[in-house]
């Protein structure tokens, strides 16, 4: 699980997915990356059971796997945003 979250781009996907369910093509567009690149990252997150997916017609939608994962991602974001966090001013 932590290995899957160790990649900054996969972590960005998780943060975006913590806000809403979204289809792969829209994620790729938002990230300004190739669909295959985003799909590969999502596959890693899915294999780590951090996200779930559902198919609707030709689209595949991803969302956070469960409330535990959602709490973990939101907690990490809140921690990084704290004024005393060493990463608060990194962006």
PDB file of N, CA and C in Angstrom:
ATOM      1  N   UNK A   1       0.822  -1.184   0.000  1.00  0.00           N
ATOM      2  CA  UNK A   1       0.000   0.000   0.000  1.00  0.00           C
ATOM      3  C   UNK A   1       0.870   1.254   0.000  1.00  0.00           C
ATOM      4  N   UNK A   2       1.854   1.329   0.899  1.00  0.00           N
ATOM      5  CA  UNK A   2       2.678   2.525   0.975  1.00  0.00           C
ATOM      6  C   UNK A   2       3.570   2.665  -0.250  1.00  0.00           C
ATOM      7  N   UNK A   3       3.962   1.542  -0.832  1.00  0.00           N
ATOM      8  CA  UNK A   3       4.742   1.608  -2.066  1.00  0.00           C
ATOM      9  C   UNK A   3       3.902   2.245  -3.175  1.00  0.00           C
ATOM     10  N   UNK A   4       2.639   1.883  -3.248  1.00  0.00           N
ATOM     11  CA  UNK A   4       1.755   2.463  -4.262  1.00  0.00           C
ATOM     12  C   UNK A   4       1.577   3.956  -4.045  1.00  0.00           C
ATOM     13  N   UNK A   5       1.541   4.376  -2.789  1.00  0.00           N
ATOM     14  CA  UNK A   5       1.371   5.798  -2.474  1.00  0.00           C
ATOM     15  C   UNK A   5       2.685   6.568  -2.508  1.00  0.00           C
ATOM     16  N   UNK A   6       3.803   5.857  -2.642  1.00  0.00           N
ATOM     17  CA  UNK A   6       5.106   6.501  -2.645  1.00  0.00           C
ATOM     18  C   UNK A   6       5.390   7.324  -3.885  1.00  0.00           C
ATOM     19  N   UNK A   7       4.668   7.064  -4.949  1.00  0.00           N
ATOM     20  CA  UNK A   7       4.848   7.824  -6.182  1.00  0.00           C
ATOM     21  C   UNK A   7       4.016   9.100  -6.110  1.00  0.00           C
ATOM     22  N   UNK A   8       4.629  10.267  -6.300  1.00  0.00           N
ATOM     23  CA  UNK A   8       3.884  11.534  -6.188  1.00  0.00           C
ATOM     24  C   UNK A   8       2.698  11.643  -7.148  1.00  0.00           C
ATOM     25  N   UNK A   9       2.827  11.094  -8.337  1.00  0.00           N
ATOM     26  CA  UNK A   9       1.723  11.182  -9.300  1.00  0.00           C
ATOM     27  C   UNK A   9       0.555  10.295  -8.889  1.00  0.00           C
ATOM     28  N   UNK A  10       0.845   9.127  -8.363  1.00  0.00           N
ATOM     29  CA  UNK A  10      -0.244   8.268  -7.868  1.00  0.00           C
ATOM     30  C   UNK A  10      -0.907   8.913  -6.659  1.00  0.00           C
ATOM     31  N   UNK A  11      -0.120   9.551  -5.820  1.00  0.00           N
ATOM     32  CA  UNK A  11      -0.686  10.247  -4.664  1.00  0.00           C
ATOM     33  C   UNK A  11      -1.592  11.387  -5.122  1.00  0.00           C
ATOM     34  N   UNK A  12      -1.187  12.109  -6.161  1.00  0.00           N
ATOM     35  CA  UNK A  12      -2.047  13.179  -6.707  1.00  0.00           C
ATOM     36  C   UNK A  12      -3.376  12.611  -7.205  1.00  0.00           C
ATOM     37  N   UNK A  13      -3.316  11.452  -7.846  1.00  0.00           N
ATOM     38  CA  UNK A  13      -4.555  10.805  -8.288  1.00  0.00           C
ATOM     39  C   UNK A  13      -5.439  10.468  -7.092  1.00  0.00           C
ATOM     40  N   UNK A  14      -4.837   9.963  -6.034  1.00  0.00           N
ATOM     41  CA  UNK A  14      -5.605   9.618  -4.836  1.00  0.00           C
ATOM     42  C   UNK A  14      -6.258  10.858  -4.228  1.00  0.00           C
ATOM     43  N   UNK A  15      -5.536  11.953  -4.209  1.00  0.00           N
ATOM     44  CA  UNK A  15      -6.102  13.192  -3.668  1.00  0.00           C
ATOM     45  C   UNK A  15      -7.290  13.630  -4.507  1.00  0.00           C
ATOM     46  N   UNK A  16      -7.146  13.562  -5.823  1.00  0.00           N
ATOM     47  CA  UNK A  16      -8.257  13.937  -6.702  1.00  0.00           C
ATOM     48  C   UNK A  16      -9.445  12.996  -6.497  1.00  0.00           C
ATOM     49  N   UNK A  17      -9.164  11.704  -6.366  1.00  0.00           N
ATOM     50  CA  UNK A  17     -10.237  10.729  -6.157  1.00  0.00           C
ATOM     51  C   UNK A  17     -10.881  10.866  -4.787  1.00  0.00           C
ATOM     52  N   UNK A  18     -10.183  11.453  -3.835  1.00  0.00           N
ATOM     53  CA  UNK A  18     -10.781  11.654  -2.512  1.00  0.00           C
ATOM     54  C   UNK A  18     -11.886  12.703  -2.566  1.00  0.00           C
ATOM     55  N   UNK A  19     -11.903  13.478  -3.641  1.00  0.00           N
ATOM     56  CA  UNK A  19     -12.920  14.518  -3.806  1.00  0.00           C
ATOM     57  C   UNK A  19     -14.166  13.996  -4.512  1.00  0.00           C
ATOM     58  N   UNK A  20     -13.962  13.049  -5.453  1.00  0.00           N
ATOM     59  CA  UNK A  20     -15.103  12.527  -6.213  1.00  0.00           C
ATOM     60  C   UNK A  20     -14.695  11.324  -7.052  1.00  0.00           C
ATOM     61  N   UNK A  21     -15.674  10.538  -7.439  1.00  0.00           N
ATOM     62  CA  UNK A  21     -15.464   9.474  -8.409  1.00  0.00           C
ATOM     63  C   UNK A  21     -15.227  10.132  -9.762  1.00  0.00           C
ATOM     64  N   UNK A  22     -14.325   9.575 -10.548  1.00  0.00           N
ATOM     65  CA  UNK A  22     -14.005  10.208 -11.828  1.00  0.00           C
ATOM     66  C   UNK A  22     -13.536   9.153 -12.827  1.00  0.00           C
ATOM     67  N   UNK A  23     -13.809   9.383 -14.098  1.00  0.00           N
ATOM     68  CA  UNK A  23     -13.424   8.414 -15.119  1.00  0.00           C
ATOM     69  C   UNK A  23     -11.966   8.633 -15.540  1.00  0.00           C
ATOM     70  N   UNK A  24     -11.374   7.578 -16.074  1.00  0.00           N
ATOM     71  CA  UNK A  24      -9.960   7.588 -16.435  1.00  0.00           C
ATOM     72  C   UNK A  24      -9.650   8.691 -17.434  1.00  0.00           C
ATOM     73  N   UNK A  25     -10.483   8.852 -18.437  1.00  0.00           N
ATOM     74  CA  UNK A  25     -10.202   9.864 -19.464  1.00  0.00           C
ATOM     75  C   UNK A  25     -10.208  11.270 -18.883  1.00  0.00           C
ATOM     76  N   UNK A  26     -11.096  11.536 -17.948  1.00  0.00           N
ATOM     77  CA  UNK A  26     -11.129  12.854 -17.314  1.00  0.00           C
ATOM     78  C   UNK A  26      -9.909  13.055 -16.414  1.00  0.00           C
ATOM     79  N   UNK A  27      -9.502  12.006 -15.707  1.00  0.00           N
ATOM     80  CA  UNK A  27      -8.290  12.091 -14.890  1.00  0.00           C
ATOM     81  C   UNK A  27      -7.076  12.404 -15.758  1.00  0.00           C
ATOM     82  N   UNK A  28      -6.984  11.746 -16.908  1.00  0.00           N
ATOM     83  CA  UNK A  28      -5.859  11.985 -17.817  1.00  0.00           C
ATOM     84  C   UNK A  28      -5.875  13.418 -18.327  1.00  0.00           C
ATOM     85  N   UNK A  29      -7.054  13.904 -18.658  1.00  0.00           N
ATOM     86  CA  UNK A  29      -7.184  15.282 -19.139  1.00  0.00           C
ATOM     87  C   UNK A  29      -6.785  16.279 -18.050  1.00  0.00           C
ATOM     88  N   UNK A  30      -7.262  16.073 -16.843  1.00  0.00           N
ATOM     89  CA  UNK A  30      -6.936  16.972 -15.735  1.00  0.00           C
ATOM     90  C   UNK A  30      -5.441  16.961 -15.416  1.00  0.00           C
ATOM     91  N   UNK A  31      -4.825  15.791 -15.520  1.00  0.00           N
ATOM     92  CA  UNK A  31      -3.395  15.658 -15.228  1.00  0.00           C
ATOM     93  C   UNK A  31      -2.531  16.038 -16.427  1.00  0.00           C
ATOM     94  N   UNK A  32      -3.165  16.257 -17.568  1.00  0.00           N
ATOM     95  CA  UNK A  32      -2.468  16.559 -18.822  1.00  0.00           C
ATOM     96  C   UNK A  32      -1.440  15.476 -19.144  1.00  0.00           C
ATOM     97  N   UNK A  33      -1.898  14.231 -19.036  1.00  0.00           N
ATOM     98  CA  UNK A  33      -1.043  13.079 -19.303  1.00  0.00           C
ATOM     99  C   UNK A  33      -1.755  12.113 -20.240  1.00  0.00           C
ATOM    100  N   UNK A  34      -0.979  11.201 -20.798  1.00  0.00           N
ATOM    101  CA  UNK A  34      -1.529  10.184 -21.681  1.00  0.00           C
ATOM    102  C   UNK A  34      -2.455   9.257 -20.897  1.00  0.00           C
ATOM    103  N   UNK A  35      -3.484   8.811 -21.550  1.00  0.00           N
ATOM    104  CA  UNK A  35      -4.443   7.894 -20.940  1.00  0.00           C
ATOM    105  C   UNK A  35      -3.752   6.626 -20.436  1.00  0.00           C
ATOM    106  N   UNK A  36      -2.814   6.099 -21.217  1.00  0.00           N
ATOM    107  CA  UNK A  36      -2.119   4.871 -20.817  1.00  0.00           C
ATOM    108  C   UNK A  36      -1.287   5.076 -19.549  1.00  0.00           C
ATOM    109  N   UNK A  37      -0.706   6.258 -19.391  1.00  0.00           N
ATOM    110  CA  UNK A  37       0.094   6.564 -18.201  1.00  0.00           C
ATOM    111  C   UNK A  37      -0.788   6.582 -16.963  1.00  0.00           C
ATOM    112  N   UNK A  38      -1.914   7.272 -17.068  1.00  0.00           N
ATOM    113  CA  UNK A  38      -2.842   7.365 -15.938  1.00  0.00           C
ATOM    114  C   UNK A  38      -3.436   5.990 -15.633  1.00  0.00           C
ATOM    115  N   UNK A  39      -3.762   5.241 -16.658  1.00  0.00           N
ATOM    116  CA  UNK A  39      -4.310   3.893 -16.458  1.00  0.00           C
ATOM    117  C   UNK A  39      -3.326   2.996 -15.719  1.00  0.00           C
ATOM    118  N   UNK A  40      -2.050   3.095 -16.051  1.00  0.00           N
ATOM    119  CA  UNK A  40      -1.033   2.282 -15.378  1.00  0.00           C
ATOM    120  C   UNK A  40      -0.933   2.657 -13.902  1.00  0.00           C
ATOM    121  N   UNK A  41      -1.011   3.940 -13.607  1.00  0.00           N
ATOM    122  CA  UNK A  41      -0.968   4.378 -12.206  1.00  0.00           C
ATOM    123  C   UNK A  41      -2.192   3.875 -11.445  1.00  0.00           C
ATOM    124  N   UNK A  42      -3.346   3.966 -12.071  1.00  0.00           N
ATOM    125  CA  UNK A  42      -4.572   3.491 -11.433  1.00  0.00           C
ATOM    126  C   UNK A  42      -4.536   1.982 -11.221  1.00  0.00           C
ATOM    127  N   UNK A  43      -3.928   1.270 -12.150  1.00  0.00           N
ATOM    128  CA  UNK A  43      -3.806  -0.180 -12.014  1.00  0.00           C
ATOM    129  C   UNK A  43      -2.998  -0.528 -10.763  1.00  0.00           C
ATOM    130  N   UNK A  44      -1.927   0.219 -10.504  1.00  0.00           N
ATOM    131  CA  UNK A  44      -1.120   0.004  -9.294  1.00  0.00           C
ATOM    132  C   UNK A  44      -1.930   0.277  -8.036  1.00  0.00           C
ATOM    133  N   UNK A  45      -2.699   1.353  -8.061  1.00  0.00           N
ATOM    134  CA  UNK A  45      -3.536   1.698  -6.906  1.00  0.00           C
ATOM    135  C   UNK A  45      -4.631   0.659  -6.690  1.00  0.00           C
ATOM    136  N   UNK A  46      -5.177   0.148  -7.784  1.00  0.00           N
ATOM    137  CA  UNK A  46      -6.209  -0.886  -7.703  1.00  0.00           C
ATOM    138  C   UNK A  46      -5.618  -2.183  -7.141  1.00  0.00           C
ATOM    139  N   UNK A  47      -4.425  -2.541  -7.590  1.00  0.00           N
ATOM    140  CA  UNK A  47      -3.763  -3.755  -7.108  1.00  0.00           C
ATOM    141  C   UNK A  47      -3.467  -3.661  -5.613  1.00  0.00           C
ATOM    142  N   UNK A  48      -3.217  -2.447  -5.134  1.00  0.00           N
ATOM    143  CA  UNK A  48      -2.965  -2.227  -3.704  1.00  0.00           C
ATOM    144  C   UNK A  48      -4.265  -2.088  -2.916  1.00  0.00           C
ATOM    145  N   UNK A  49      -5.394  -2.227  -3.603  1.00  0.00           N
ATOM    146  CA  UNK A  49      -6.736  -2.130  -3.007  1.00  0.00           C
ATOM    147  C   UNK A  49      -7.019  -0.764  -2.398  1.00  0.00           C
ATOM    148  N   UNK A  50      -6.431   0.264  -2.995  1.00  0.00           N
ATOM    149  CA  UNK A  50      -6.659   1.633  -2.530  1.00  0.00           C
ATOM    150  C   UNK A  50      -7.808   2.299  -3.268  1.00  0.00           C
ATOM    151  N   UNK A  51      -8.104   1.808  -4.466  1.00  0.00           N
ATOM    152  CA  UNK A  51      -9.209   2.354  -5.251  1.00  0.00           C
ATOM    153  C   UNK A  51     -10.088   1.208  -5.733  1.00  0.00           C
ATOM    154  N   UNK A  52     -11.310   1.558  -6.076  1.00  0.00           N
ATOM    155  CA  UNK A  52     -12.218   0.600  -6.703  1.00  0.00           C
ATOM    156  C   UNK A  52     -12.624   1.183  -8.046  1.00  0.00           C
ATOM    157  N   UNK A  53     -13.155   0.343  -8.893  1.00  0.00           N
ATOM    158  CA  UNK A  53     -13.544   0.813 -10.223  1.00  0.00           C
ATOM    159  C   UNK A  53     -14.881   0.203 -10.615  1.00  0.00           C
ATOM    160  N   UNK A  54     -15.530   0.925 -11.501  1.00  0.00           N
ATOM    161  CA  UNK A  54     -16.785   0.416 -12.064  1.00  0.00           C
ATOM    162  C   UNK A  54     -16.852   0.863 -13.515  1.00  0.00           C
ATOM    163  N   UNK A  55     -17.460   0.036 -14.315  1.00  0.00           N
ATOM    164  CA  UNK A  55     -17.580   0.324 -15.739  1.00  0.00           C
ATOM    165  C   UNK A  55     -18.994   0.809 -16.023  1.00  0.00           C
ATOM    166  N   UNK A  56     -19.074   1.862 -16.817  1.00  0.00           N
ATOM    167  CA  UNK A  56     -20.362   2.377 -17.268  1.00  0.00           C
ATOM    168  C   UNK A  56     -20.219   2.648 -18.757  1.00  0.00           C
ATOM    169  N   UNK A  57     -20.842   1.804 -19.546  1.00  0.00           N
ATOM    170  CA  UNK A  57     -20.706   1.852 -21.006  1.00  0.00           C
ATOM    171  C   UNK A  57     -19.222   1.714 -21.355  1.00  0.00           C
ATOM    172  N   UNK A  58     -18.661   2.706 -22.038  1.00  0.00           N
ATOM    173  CA  UNK A  58     -17.255   2.629 -22.450  1.00  0.00           C
ATOM    174  C   UNK A  58     -16.306   3.269 -21.448  1.00  0.00           C
ATOM    175  N   UNK A  59     -16.833   3.793 -20.367  1.00  0.00           N
ATOM    176  CA  UNK A  59     -16.007   4.508 -19.395  1.00  0.00           C
ATOM    177  C   UNK A  59     -15.750   3.661 -18.157  1.00  0.00           C
ATOM    178  N   UNK A  60     -14.565   3.827 -17.589  1.00  0.00           N
ATOM    179  CA  UNK A  60     -14.218   3.190 -16.323  1.00  0.00           C
ATOM    180  C   UNK A  60     -14.048   4.301 -15.303  1.00  0.00           C
ATOM    181  N   UNK A  61     -14.823   4.208 -14.235  1.00  0.00           N
ATOM    182  CA  UNK A  61     -14.790   5.203 -13.168  1.00  0.00           C
ATOM    183  C   UNK A  61     -14.035   4.639 -11.973  1.00  0.00           C
ATOM    184  N   UNK A  62     -13.217   5.481 -11.373  1.00  0.00           N
ATOM    185  CA  UNK A  62     -12.456   5.102 -10.179  1.00  0.00           C
ATOM    186  C   UNK A  62     -12.894   5.956  -9.007  1.00  0.00           C
ATOM    187  N   UNK A  63     -12.803   5.365  -7.825  1.00  0.00           N
ATOM    188  CA  UNK A  63     -13.073   6.084  -6.581  1.00  0.00           C
ATOM    189  C   UNK A  63     -12.236   5.446  -5.481  1.00  0.00           C
ATOM    190  N   UNK A  64     -12.176   6.118  -4.355  1.00  0.00           N
ATOM    191  CA  UNK A  64     -11.447   5.598  -3.205  1.00  0.00           C
ATOM    192  C   UNK A  64     -12.117   4.304  -2.744  1.00  0.00           C
ATOM    193  N   UNK A  65     -11.321   3.321  -2.372  1.00  0.00           N
ATOM    194  CA  UNK A  65     -11.833   1.978  -2.077  1.00  0.00           C
ATOM    195  C   UNK A  65     -12.809   1.930  -0.906  1.00  0.00           C
ATOM    196  N   UNK A  66     -12.492   2.645   0.178  1.00  0.00           N
ATOM    197  CA  UNK A  66     -13.374   2.598   1.345  1.00  0.00           C
ATOM    198  C   UNK A  66     -13.084   3.783   2.258  1.00  0.00           C
ATOM    199  N   UNK A  67     -13.848   3.877   3.335  1.00  0.00           N
ATOM    200  CA  UNK A  67     -13.710   5.010   4.258  1.00  0.00           C
ATOM    201  C   UNK A  67     -12.348   5.059   4.942  1.00  0.00           C
ATOM    202  N   UNK A  68     -11.749   3.906   5.189  1.00  0.00           N
ATOM    203  CA  UNK A  68     -10.433   3.885   5.841  1.00  0.00           C
ATOM    204  C   UNK A  68      -9.383   4.542   4.947  1.00  0.00           C
ATOM    205  N   UNK A  69      -9.407   4.204   3.677  1.00  0.00           N
ATOM    206  CA  UNK A  69      -8.460   4.797   2.724  1.00  0.00           C
ATOM    207  C   UNK A  69      -8.740   6.290   2.589  1.00  0.00           C
ATOM    208  N   UNK A  70     -10.001   6.657   2.514  1.00  0.00           N
ATOM    209  CA  UNK A  70     -10.374   8.065   2.399  1.00  0.00           C
ATOM    210  C   UNK A  70      -9.861   8.859   3.598  1.00  0.00           C
ATOM    211  N   UNK A  71     -10.038   8.333   4.791  1.00  0.00           N
ATOM    212  CA  UNK A  71      -9.548   9.013   5.997  1.00  0.00           C
ATOM    213  C   UNK A  71      -8.029   9.149   5.972  1.00  0.00           C
ATOM    214  N   UNK A  72      -7.345   8.126   5.504  1.00  0.00           N
ATOM    215  CA  UNK A  72      -5.890   8.165   5.430  1.00  0.00           C
ATOM    216  C   UNK A  72      -5.419   9.267   4.471  1.00  0.00           C
ATOM    217  N   UNK A  73      -6.039   9.354   3.305  1.00  0.00           N
ATOM    218  CA  UNK A  73      -5.649  10.364   2.314  1.00  0.00           C
ATOM    219  C   UNK A  73      -5.971  11.757   2.833  1.00  0.00           C
ATOM    220  N   UNK A  74      -7.155  11.937   3.366  1.00  0.00           N
ATOM    221  CA  UNK A  74      -7.523  13.259   3.896  1.00  0.00           C
ATOM    222  C   UNK A  74      -6.620  13.661   5.060  1.00  0.00           C
ATOM    223  N   UNK A  75      -6.258  12.696   5.899  1.00  0.00           N
ATOM    224  CA  UNK A  75      -5.346  12.978   7.002  1.00  0.00           C
ATOM    225  C   UNK A  75      -3.969  13.393   6.507  1.00  0.00           C
ATOM    226  N   UNK A  76      -3.486  12.735   5.468  1.00  0.00           N
ATOM    227  CA  UNK A  76      -2.178  13.080   4.900  1.00  0.00           C
ATOM    228  C   UNK A  76      -2.200  14.475   4.298  1.00  0.00           C
ATOM    229  N   UNK A  77      -3.284  14.820   3.611  1.00  0.00           N
ATOM    230  CA  UNK A  77      -3.415  16.156   3.020  1.00  0.00           C
ATOM    231  C   UNK A  77      -3.465  17.209   4.119  1.00  0.00           C
ATOM    232  N   UNK A  78      -4.238  16.950   5.163  1.00  0.00           N
ATOM    233  CA  UNK A  78      -4.340  17.899   6.274  1.00  0.00           C
ATOM    234  C   UNK A  78      -2.989  18.070   6.960  1.00  0.00           C
ATOM    235  N   UNK A  79      -2.268  16.989   7.132  1.00  0.00           N
ATOM    236  CA  UNK A  79      -0.952  17.054   7.767  1.00  0.00           C
ATOM    237  C   UNK A  79       0.005  17.898   6.928  1.00  0.00           C
ATOM    238  N   UNK A  80       0.009  17.686   5.624  1.00  0.00           N
ATOM    239  CA  UNK A  80       0.907  18.442   4.745  1.00  0.00           C
ATOM    240  C   UNK A  80       0.563  19.923   4.720  1.00  0.00           C
ATOM    241  N   UNK A  81      -0.698  20.259   4.981  1.00  0.00           N
ATOM    242  CA  UNK A  81      -1.140  21.657   4.938  1.00  0.00           C
ATOM    243  C   UNK A  81      -0.908  22.398   6.250  1.00  0.00           C
ATOM    244  N   UNK A  82      -0.558  21.678   7.306  1.00  0.00           N
ATOM    245  CA  UNK A  82      -0.334  22.325   8.601  1.00  0.00           C
ATOM    246  C   UNK A  82       0.858  23.272   8.518  1.00  0.00           C
ATOM    247  N   UNK A  83       0.747  24.442   9.149  1.00  0.00           N
ATOM    248  CA  UNK A  83       1.833  25.432   9.085  1.00  0.00           C
ATOM    249  C   UNK A  83       3.176  24.907   9.586  1.00  0.00           C
ATOM    250  N   UNK A  84       3.173  24.006  10.545  1.00  0.00           N
ATOM    251  CA  UNK A  84       4.423  23.488  11.099  1.00  0.00           C
ATOM    252  C   UNK A  84       4.955  22.269  10.358  1.00  0.00           C
ATOM    253  N   UNK A  85       4.229  21.818   9.337  1.00  0.00           N
ATOM    254  CA  UNK A  85       4.666  20.665   8.565  1.00  0.00           C
ATOM    255  C   UNK A  85       5.865  21.047   7.709  1.00  0.00           C
ATOM    256  N   UNK A  86       6.884  20.189   7.630  1.00  0.00           N
ATOM    257  CA  UNK A  86       8.044  20.510   6.795  1.00  0.00           C
ATOM    258  C   UNK A  86       7.705  20.579   5.312  1.00  0.00           C
ATOM    259  N   UNK A  87       6.550  20.039   4.920  1.00  0.00           N
ATOM    260  CA  UNK A  87       6.160  20.039   3.513  1.00  0.00           C
ATOM    261  C   UNK A  87       5.122  21.101   3.186  1.00  0.00           C
ATOM    262  N   UNK A  88       4.745  21.901   4.131  1.00  0.00           N
ATOM    263  CA  UNK A  88       3.665  22.870   3.939  1.00  0.00           C
ATOM    264  C   UNK A  88       3.995  23.895   2.870  1.00  0.00           C
ATOM    265  N   UNK A  89       5.248  24.251   2.729  1.00  0.00           N
ATOM    266  CA  UNK A  89       5.622  25.282   1.765  1.00  0.00           C
ATOM    267  C   UNK A  89       6.376  24.711   0.578  1.00  0.00           C
ATOM    268  N   UNK A  90       6.293  23.407   0.383  1.00  0.00           N
ATOM    269  CA  UNK A  90       7.032  22.758  -0.697  1.00  0.00           C
ATOM    270  C   UNK A  90       6.385  22.975  -2.053  1.00  0.00           C
ATOM    271  N   UNK A  91       5.121  23.415  -2.099  1.00  0.00           N
ATOM    272  CA  UNK A  91       4.422  23.541  -3.388  1.00  0.00           C
ATOM    273  C   UNK A  91       4.278  24.957  -3.797  1.00  0.00           C
TER     274      UNK A  91
END
